[in-house]
Amino acid sequence: MTKLLEKEDKPVETFSIAPTSGIFERFQNYHRSLAVFFELWDKFESPKGTNKASLSEERELYEYIRDTEIEARLPMMELYGFLHLPFSSREPALIEQWLETIRAIVADAELPEPPVKTASLEELELSYKAIGLHLLFLYKLGRKTEAVYWERVRTGLSDDVHEFLKSEVKNYKKKCRHCGKGIHVESPYQICDSCYSARNRKKVDNRDHWR
């Protein structure tokens, strides 16, 4: 720890740049299409020493609502804010939840509650992520009272995940790769003593045979 504290920090050589509210305000003086904005962002060459944000996830989400009522009714900066929400946009269930929530916002309807399932570890993890996405919307919309409730639910799910994992470790049984017989979990080998001894005897017999 002392070495880490005394180690000289490397100077920052590059930093990332991403669209700001000022950039959007200037852009809207000329155009109001996010599709055009993404095209121009692709062509934009960042200054030396900077890395331009790819906006790949925002662009993928945008394709779901491009030229729809959602894009038509939401102000561009507000829409980009929803596209920019940090969640796992590779999971179909979360994308569908995101779309349903955006539709509810546009329709001025109640936000759909995130599904909460606890039958398996996979369901627990997905439910945890779904609540996380729901919380992002609640905080963005300033609905802090509802957010407090869902934070508690998510904390409970987190505890359930830890208990599930502890149970899995407790019930885990290490088996010999040859005979399937149980071996001690802390054993560094994947073979039981009997099979190990038998293998050594076979090696000795083979050596004696060729002498």
C-alpha atoms as a PDB file:
ATOM      1  CA  MET A   1       0.000   0.000   0.000  1.00  0.00           C
ATOM      2  CA  THR A   2       2.875   2.377   0.866  1.00  0.00           C
ATOM      3  CA  LYS A   3       4.429   1.780  -2.567  1.00  0.00           C
ATOM      4  CA  LEU A   4       1.129   2.532  -4.263  1.00  0.00           C
ATOM      5  CA  LEU A   5       0.739   5.773  -2.319  1.00  0.00           C
ATOM      6  CA  GLU A   6       4.288   6.876  -3.058  1.00  0.00           C
ATOM      7  CA  LYS A   7       4.134   5.877  -6.723  1.00  0.00           C
ATOM      8  CA  GLU A   8       4.137   8.850  -9.066  1.00  0.00           C
ATOM      9  CA  ASP A   9       0.879   9.292 -10.945  1.00  0.00           C
ATOM     10  CA  LYS A  10       1.047   9.076 -14.703  1.00  0.00           C
ATOM     11  CA  PRO A  11       0.146  12.360 -16.385  1.00  0.00           C
ATOM     12  CA  VAL A  12      -3.184  12.430 -18.193  1.00  0.00           C
ATOM     13  CA  GLU A  13      -2.387  12.144 -21.896  1.00  0.00           C
ATOM     14  CA  THR A  14      -5.891  11.908 -23.337  1.00  0.00           C
ATOM     15  CA  PHE A  15      -9.447  12.555 -22.242  1.00  0.00           C
ATOM     16  CA  SER A  16     -12.830  11.711 -23.716  1.00  0.00           C
ATOM     17  CA  ILE A  17     -15.239  14.223 -25.151  1.00  0.00           C
ATOM     18  CA  ALA A  18     -18.990  13.710 -25.488  1.00  0.00           C
ATOM     19  CA  PRO A  19     -21.957  15.852 -26.548  1.00  0.00           C
ATOM     20  CA  THR A  20     -22.875  18.583 -24.048  1.00  0.00           C
ATOM     21  CA  SER A  21     -26.047  20.623 -23.633  1.00  0.00           C
ATOM     22  CA  GLY A  22     -24.236  23.536 -25.279  1.00  0.00           C
ATOM     23  CA  ILE A  23     -23.457  21.441 -28.354  1.00  0.00           C
ATOM     24  CA  PHE A  24     -27.106  20.382 -28.639  1.00  0.00           C
ATOM     25  CA  GLU A  25     -28.334  23.959 -28.238  1.00  0.00           C
ATOM     26  CA  ARG A  26     -26.111  25.148 -31.077  1.00  0.00           C
ATOM     27  CA  PHE A  27     -27.060  22.176 -33.249  1.00  0.00           C
ATOM     28  CA  GLN A  28     -30.778  22.864 -32.800  1.00  0.00           C
ATOM     29  CA  ASN A  29     -30.318  26.280 -34.365  1.00  0.00           C
ATOM     30  CA  TYR A  30     -29.766  24.446 -37.667  1.00  0.00           C
ATOM     31  CA  HIS A  31     -31.471  21.067 -37.333  1.00  0.00           C
ATOM     32  CA  ARG A  32     -33.689  19.063 -34.984  1.00  0.00           C
ATOM     33  CA  SER A  33     -33.008  15.476 -36.027  1.00  0.00           C
ATOM     34  CA  LEU A  34     -30.932  13.136 -33.876  1.00  0.00           C
ATOM     35  CA  ALA A  35     -30.227  11.044 -36.973  1.00  0.00           C
ATOM     36  CA  VAL A  36     -28.468  14.040 -38.527  1.00  0.00           C
ATOM     37  CA  PHE A  37     -26.691  14.751 -35.251  1.00  0.00           C
ATOM     38  CA  PHE A  38     -25.270  11.221 -35.103  1.00  0.00           C
ATOM     39  CA  GLU A  39     -24.080  11.506 -38.715  1.00  0.00           C
ATOM     40  CA  LEU A  40     -22.302  14.787 -37.981  1.00  0.00           C
ATOM     41  CA  TRP A  41     -20.798  13.363 -34.795  1.00  0.00           C
ATOM     42  CA  ASP A  42     -19.301  10.533 -36.854  1.00  0.00           C
ATOM     43  CA  LYS A  43     -17.655  13.062 -39.163  1.00  0.00           C
ATOM     44  CA  PHE A  44     -16.415  15.253 -36.319  1.00  0.00           C
ATOM     45  CA  GLU A  45     -12.668  14.938 -35.772  1.00  0.00           C
ATOM     46  CA  SER A  46     -11.728  15.327 -32.132  1.00  0.00           C
ATOM     47  CA  PRO A  47      -8.765  17.561 -31.238  1.00  0.00           C
ATOM     48  CA  LYS A  48      -5.377  15.993 -30.640  1.00  0.00           C
ATOM     49  CA  GLY A  49      -5.118  14.423 -27.203  1.00  0.00           C
ATOM     50  CA  THR A  50      -8.831  13.639 -26.980  1.00  0.00           C
ATOM     51  CA  ASN A  51     -10.940  10.561 -27.629  1.00  0.00           C
ATOM     52  CA  LYS A  52     -14.372  11.072 -29.118  1.00  0.00           C
ATOM     53  CA  ALA A  53     -17.206   9.129 -27.461  1.00  0.00           C
ATOM     54  CA  SER A  54     -18.532   6.599 -29.975  1.00  0.00           C
ATOM     55  CA  LEU A  55     -22.200   6.967 -28.925  1.00  0.00           C
ATOM     56  CA  SER A  56     -22.698   3.419 -30.239  1.00  0.00           C
ATOM     57  CA  GLU A  57     -25.180   2.376 -27.542  1.00  0.00           C
ATOM     58  CA  GLU A  58     -27.174   5.598 -27.888  1.00  0.00           C
ATOM     59  CA  ARG A  59     -27.323   5.068 -31.642  1.00  0.00           C
ATOM     60  CA  GLU A  60     -28.516   1.457 -31.282  1.00  0.00           C
ATOM     61  CA  LEU A  61     -31.328   2.509 -28.943  1.00  0.00           C
ATOM     62  CA  TYR A  62     -32.240   5.379 -31.233  1.00  0.00           C
ATOM     63  CA  GLU A  63     -33.008   2.953 -34.063  1.00  0.00           C
ATOM     64  CA  TYR A  64     -35.885   1.555 -31.965  1.00  0.00           C
ATOM     65  CA  ILE A  65     -37.662   4.921 -31.812  1.00  0.00           C
ATOM     66  CA  ARG A  66     -36.454   6.596 -34.992  1.00  0.00           C
ATOM     67  CA  ASP A  67     -39.272   8.253 -36.983  1.00  0.00           C
ATOM     68  CA  THR A  68     -41.847   7.240 -34.353  1.00  0.00           C
ATOM     69  CA  GLU A  69     -44.263   9.254 -32.226  1.00  0.00           C
ATOM     70  CA  ILE A  70     -41.701   9.055 -29.423  1.00  0.00           C
ATOM     71  CA  GLU A  71     -39.125  10.994 -31.438  1.00  0.00           C
ATOM     72  CA  ALA A  72     -41.745  13.428 -32.705  1.00  0.00           C
ATOM     73  CA  ARG A  73     -43.094  14.331 -29.262  1.00  0.00           C
ATOM     74  CA  LEU A  74     -39.964  14.453 -27.107  1.00  0.00           C
ATOM     75  CA  PRO A  75     -37.582  17.437 -27.230  1.00  0.00           C
ATOM     76  CA  MET A  76     -34.271  16.376 -28.725  1.00  0.00           C
ATOM     77  CA  MET A  77     -32.175  16.966 -25.605  1.00  0.00           C
ATOM     78  CA  GLU A  78     -34.681  15.096 -23.432  1.00  0.00           C
ATOM     79  CA  LEU A  79     -34.738  12.198 -25.881  1.00  0.00           C
ATOM     80  CA  TYR A  80     -30.943  12.044 -25.949  1.00  0.00           C
ATOM     81  CA  GLY A  81     -30.973  11.997 -22.143  1.00  0.00           C
ATOM     82  CA  PHE A  82     -33.094   8.839 -22.224  1.00  0.00           C
ATOM     83  CA  LEU A  83     -30.846   7.291 -24.879  1.00  0.00           C
ATOM     84  CA  HIS A  84     -27.843   8.058 -22.675  1.00  0.00           C
ATOM     85  CA  LEU A  85     -29.151   6.231 -19.585  1.00  0.00           C
ATOM     86  CA  PRO A  86     -26.420   3.831 -18.380  1.00  0.00           C
ATOM     87  CA  PHE A  87     -27.949   0.360 -18.506  1.00  0.00           C
ATOM     88  CA  SER A  88     -27.167  -2.978 -20.138  1.00  0.00           C
ATOM     89  CA  SER A  89     -28.678  -2.276 -23.558  1.00  0.00           C
ATOM     90  CA  ARG A  90     -27.546  -5.679 -24.862  1.00  0.00           C
ATOM     91  CA  GLU A  91     -30.319  -7.485 -22.954  1.00  0.00           C
ATOM     92  CA  PRO A  92     -33.627  -7.717 -24.884  1.00  0.00           C
ATOM     93  CA  ALA A  93     -35.736  -7.664 -21.707  1.00  0.00           C
ATOM     94  CA  LEU A  94     -34.186  -4.373 -20.598  1.00  0.00           C
ATOM     95  CA  ILE A  95     -34.576  -2.823 -24.053  1.00  0.00           C
ATOM     96  CA  GLU A  96     -38.268  -3.748 -24.005  1.00  0.00           C
ATOM     97  CA  GLN A  97     -38.615  -2.254 -20.526  1.00  0.00           C
ATOM     98  CA  TRP A  98     -36.878   0.917 -21.723  1.00  0.00           C
ATOM     99  CA  LEU A  99     -39.258   1.193 -24.685  1.00  0.00           C
ATOM    100  CA  GLU A 100     -42.369   0.611 -22.562  1.00  0.00           C
ATOM    101  CA  THR A 101     -41.252   3.264 -20.096  1.00  0.00           C
ATOM    102  CA  ILE A 102     -40.542   5.800 -22.850  1.00  0.00           C
ATOM    103  CA  ARG A 103     -43.979   5.118 -24.352  1.00  0.00           C
ATOM    104  CA  ALA A 104     -45.588   5.690 -20.952  1.00  0.00           C
ATOM    105  CA  ILE A 105     -43.735   8.994 -20.539  1.00  0.00           C
ATOM    106  CA  VAL A 106     -44.862  10.206 -23.971  1.00  0.00           C
ATOM    107  CA  ALA A 107     -48.461   9.129 -23.256  1.00  0.00           C
ATOM    108  CA  ASP A 108     -48.339  10.763 -19.800  1.00  0.00           C
ATOM    109  CA  ALA A 109     -49.285   7.396 -18.291  1.00  0.00           C
ATOM    110  CA  GLU A 110     -48.094   5.525 -15.205  1.00  0.00           C
ATOM    111  CA  LEU A 111     -44.624   4.071 -15.568  1.00  0.00           C
ATOM    112  CA  PRO A 112     -44.635   0.260 -15.855  1.00  0.00           C
ATOM    113  CA  GLU A 113     -43.169  -1.421 -12.792  1.00  0.00           C
ATOM    114  CA  PRO A 114     -40.067  -3.561 -13.363  1.00  0.00           C
ATOM    115  CA  PRO A 115     -40.637  -7.332 -13.261  1.00  0.00           C
ATOM    116  CA  VAL A 116     -39.339  -8.960 -10.088  1.00  0.00           C
ATOM    117  CA  LYS A 117     -38.645 -12.699 -10.318  1.00  0.00           C
ATOM    118  CA  THR A 118     -36.627 -14.714  -7.814  1.00  0.00           C
ATOM    119  CA  ALA A 119     -36.841 -18.370  -8.882  1.00  0.00           C
ATOM    120  CA  SER A 120     -33.221 -18.593 -10.026  1.00  0.00           C
ATOM    121  CA  LEU A 121     -29.959 -16.682  -9.902  1.00  0.00           C
ATOM    122  CA  GLU A 122     -30.469 -15.530 -13.507  1.00  0.00           C
ATOM    123  CA  GLU A 123     -33.923 -14.156 -12.652  1.00  0.00           C
ATOM    124  CA  LEU A 124     -32.570 -12.418  -9.557  1.00  0.00           C
ATOM    125  CA  GLU A 125     -29.805 -10.743 -11.557  1.00  0.00           C
ATOM    126  CA  LEU A 126     -32.163  -9.622 -14.335  1.00  0.00           C
ATOM    127  CA  SER A 127     -34.661  -8.293 -11.783  1.00  0.00           C
ATOM    128  CA  TYR A 128     -31.852  -6.349 -10.106  1.00  0.00           C
ATOM    129  CA  LYS A 129     -30.915  -4.772 -13.443  1.00  0.00           C
ATOM    130  CA  ALA A 130     -34.575  -4.052 -14.276  1.00  0.00           C
ATOM    131  CA  ILE A 131     -35.051  -2.197 -10.993  1.00  0.00           C
ATOM    132  CA  GLY A 132     -31.819  -0.314 -11.659  1.00  0.00           C
ATOM    133  CA  LEU A 133     -33.193   0.882 -15.007  1.00  0.00           C
ATOM    134  CA  HIS A 134     -36.506   1.839 -13.383  1.00  0.00           C
ATOM    135  CA  LEU A 135     -34.598   3.871 -10.796  1.00  0.00           C
ATOM    136  CA  LEU A 136     -32.716   5.735 -13.530  1.00  0.00           C
ATOM    137  CA  PHE A 137     -36.035   6.878 -14.966  1.00  0.00           C
ATOM    138  CA  LEU A 138     -37.446   7.795 -11.548  1.00  0.00           C
ATOM    139  CA  TYR A 139     -34.445   9.936 -10.655  1.00  0.00           C
ATOM    140  CA  LYS A 140     -34.426  11.585 -14.083  1.00  0.00           C
ATOM    141  CA  LEU A 141     -38.105  12.453 -13.667  1.00  0.00           C
ATOM    142  CA  GLY A 142     -37.559  13.721 -10.123  1.00  0.00           C
ATOM    143  CA  ARG A 143     -39.736  11.055  -8.489  1.00  0.00           C
ATOM    144  CA  LYS A 144     -37.570  10.549  -5.426  1.00  0.00           C
ATOM    145  CA  THR A 145     -40.287   9.172  -3.124  1.00  0.00           C
ATOM    146  CA  GLU A 146     -40.920   6.220  -5.446  1.00  0.00           C
ATOM    147  CA  ALA A 147     -37.177   5.796  -5.867  1.00  0.00           C
ATOM    148  CA  VAL A 148     -36.737   5.255  -2.110  1.00  0.00           C
ATOM    149  CA  TYR A 149     -39.133   2.278  -2.241  1.00  0.00           C
ATOM    150  CA  TRP A 150     -37.435   0.683  -5.237  1.00  0.00           C
ATOM    151  CA  GLU A 151     -33.994   1.214  -3.709  1.00  0.00           C
ATOM    152  CA  ARG A 152     -35.165  -0.908  -0.774  1.00  0.00           C
ATOM    153  CA  VAL A 153     -36.498  -3.596  -3.097  1.00  0.00           C
ATOM    154  CA  ARG A 154     -33.206  -3.651  -4.979  1.00  0.00           C
ATOM    155  CA  THR A 155     -31.227  -3.918  -1.736  1.00  0.00           C
ATOM    156  CA  GLY A 156     -33.372  -6.907  -0.779  1.00  0.00           C
ATOM    157  CA  LEU A 157     -32.646  -8.531  -4.141  1.00  0.00           C
ATOM    158  CA  SER A 158     -28.929  -7.918  -3.667  1.00  0.00           C
ATOM    159  CA  ASP A 159     -29.115  -9.735  -0.321  1.00  0.00           C
ATOM    160  CA  ASP A 160     -30.994 -12.602  -1.994  1.00  0.00           C
ATOM    161  CA  VAL A 161     -28.263 -12.912  -4.636  1.00  0.00           C
ATOM    162  CA  HIS A 162     -25.558 -13.128  -1.953  1.00  0.00           C
ATOM    163  CA  GLU A 163     -27.531 -15.775  -0.048  1.00  0.00           C
ATOM    164  CA  PHE A 164     -28.076 -17.742  -3.246  1.00  0.00           C
ATOM    165  CA  LEU A 165     -24.361 -17.688  -4.046  1.00  0.00           C
ATOM    166  CA  LYS A 166     -23.420 -18.723  -0.498  1.00  0.00           C
ATOM    167  CA  SER A 167     -25.844 -21.630  -0.746  1.00  0.00           C
ATOM    168  CA  GLU A 168     -24.384 -22.655  -4.109  1.00  0.00           C
ATOM    169  CA  VAL A 169     -20.845 -22.668  -2.699  1.00  0.00           C
ATOM    170  CA  LYS A 170     -21.958 -24.608   0.366  1.00  0.00           C
ATOM    171  CA  ASN A 171     -23.685 -27.282  -1.698  1.00  0.00           C
ATOM    172  CA  TYR A 172     -20.967 -27.477  -4.341  1.00  0.00           C
ATOM    173  CA  LYS A 173     -19.329 -30.881  -4.567  1.00  0.00           C
ATOM    174  CA  LYS A 174     -16.017 -31.403  -6.298  1.00  0.00           C
ATOM    175  CA  LYS A 175     -15.811 -34.679  -8.193  1.00  0.00           C
ATOM    176  CA  CYS A 176     -12.988 -36.793  -9.571  1.00  0.00           C
ATOM    177  CA  ARG A 177     -12.697 -36.338 -13.334  1.00  0.00           C
ATOM    178  CA  HIS A 178     -12.069 -40.086 -13.779  1.00  0.00           C
ATOM    179  CA  CYS A 179     -14.527 -41.934 -11.558  1.00  0.00           C
ATOM    180  CA  GLY A 180     -16.895 -39.198 -10.399  1.00  0.00           C
ATOM    181  CA  LYS A 181     -16.208 -39.875  -6.732  1.00  0.00           C
ATOM    182  CA  GLY A 182     -16.496 -36.856  -4.421  1.00  0.00           C
ATOM    183  CA  ILE A 183     -13.264 -35.155  -3.352  1.00  0.00           C
ATOM    184  CA  HIS A 184     -12.562 -32.362  -0.878  1.00  0.00           C
ATOM    185  CA  VAL A 185     -13.459 -28.892  -2.179  1.00  0.00           C
ATOM    186  CA  GLU A 186     -10.077 -27.477  -1.146  1.00  0.00           C
ATOM    187  CA  SER A 187      -8.123 -30.213  -2.919  1.00  0.00           C
ATOM    188  CA  PRO A 188      -5.856 -28.682  -5.597  1.00  0.00           C
ATOM    189  CA  TYR A 189      -6.332 -31.749  -7.810  1.00  0.00           C
ATOM    190  CA  GLN A 190      -9.190 -32.904 -10.026  1.00  0.00           C
ATOM    191  CA  ILE A 191      -8.546 -36.574  -9.255  1.00  0.00           C
ATOM    192  CA  CYS A 192      -9.254 -38.674  -6.152  1.00  0.00           C
ATOM    193  CA  ASP A 193      -6.566 -40.540  -4.190  1.00  0.00           C
ATOM    194  CA  SER A 194      -7.729 -43.954  -5.454  1.00  0.00           C
ATOM    195  CA  CYS A 195      -7.509 -42.980  -9.126  1.00  0.00           C
ATOM    196  CA  TYR A 196      -4.188 -41.231  -8.528  1.00  0.00           C
ATOM    197  CA  SER A 197      -2.729 -44.362  -6.913  1.00  0.00           C
ATOM    198  CA  ALA A 198      -4.129 -46.570  -9.668  1.00  0.00           C
ATOM    199  CA  ARG A 199      -2.609 -44.329 -12.327  1.00  0.00           C
ATOM    200  CA  ASN A 200       0.803 -44.454 -10.648  1.00  0.00           C
ATOM    201  CA  ARG A 201       0.646 -48.260 -10.362  1.00  0.00           C
ATOM    202  CA  LYS A 202      -0.153 -48.452 -14.055  1.00  0.00           C
ATOM    203  CA  LYS A 203       2.874 -46.282 -14.885  1.00  0.00           C
ATOM    204  CA  VAL A 204       5.129 -48.545 -12.789  1.00  0.00           C
ATOM    205  CA  ASP A 205       3.711 -51.682 -14.425  1.00  0.00           C
ATOM    206  CA  ASN A 206       4.300 -50.216 -17.890  1.00  0.00           C
ATOM    207  CA  ARG A 207       7.908 -49.347 -17.067  1.00  0.00           C
ATOM    208  CA  ASP A 208       8.526 -52.850 -15.699  1.00  0.00           C
ATOM    209  CA  HIS A 209       6.961 -54.363 -18.828  1.00  0.00           C
ATOM    210  CA  TRP A 210       9.435 -52.613 -21.154  1.00  0.00           C
ATOM    211  CA  ARG A 211      12.574 -53.280 -19.150  1.00  0.00           C
END
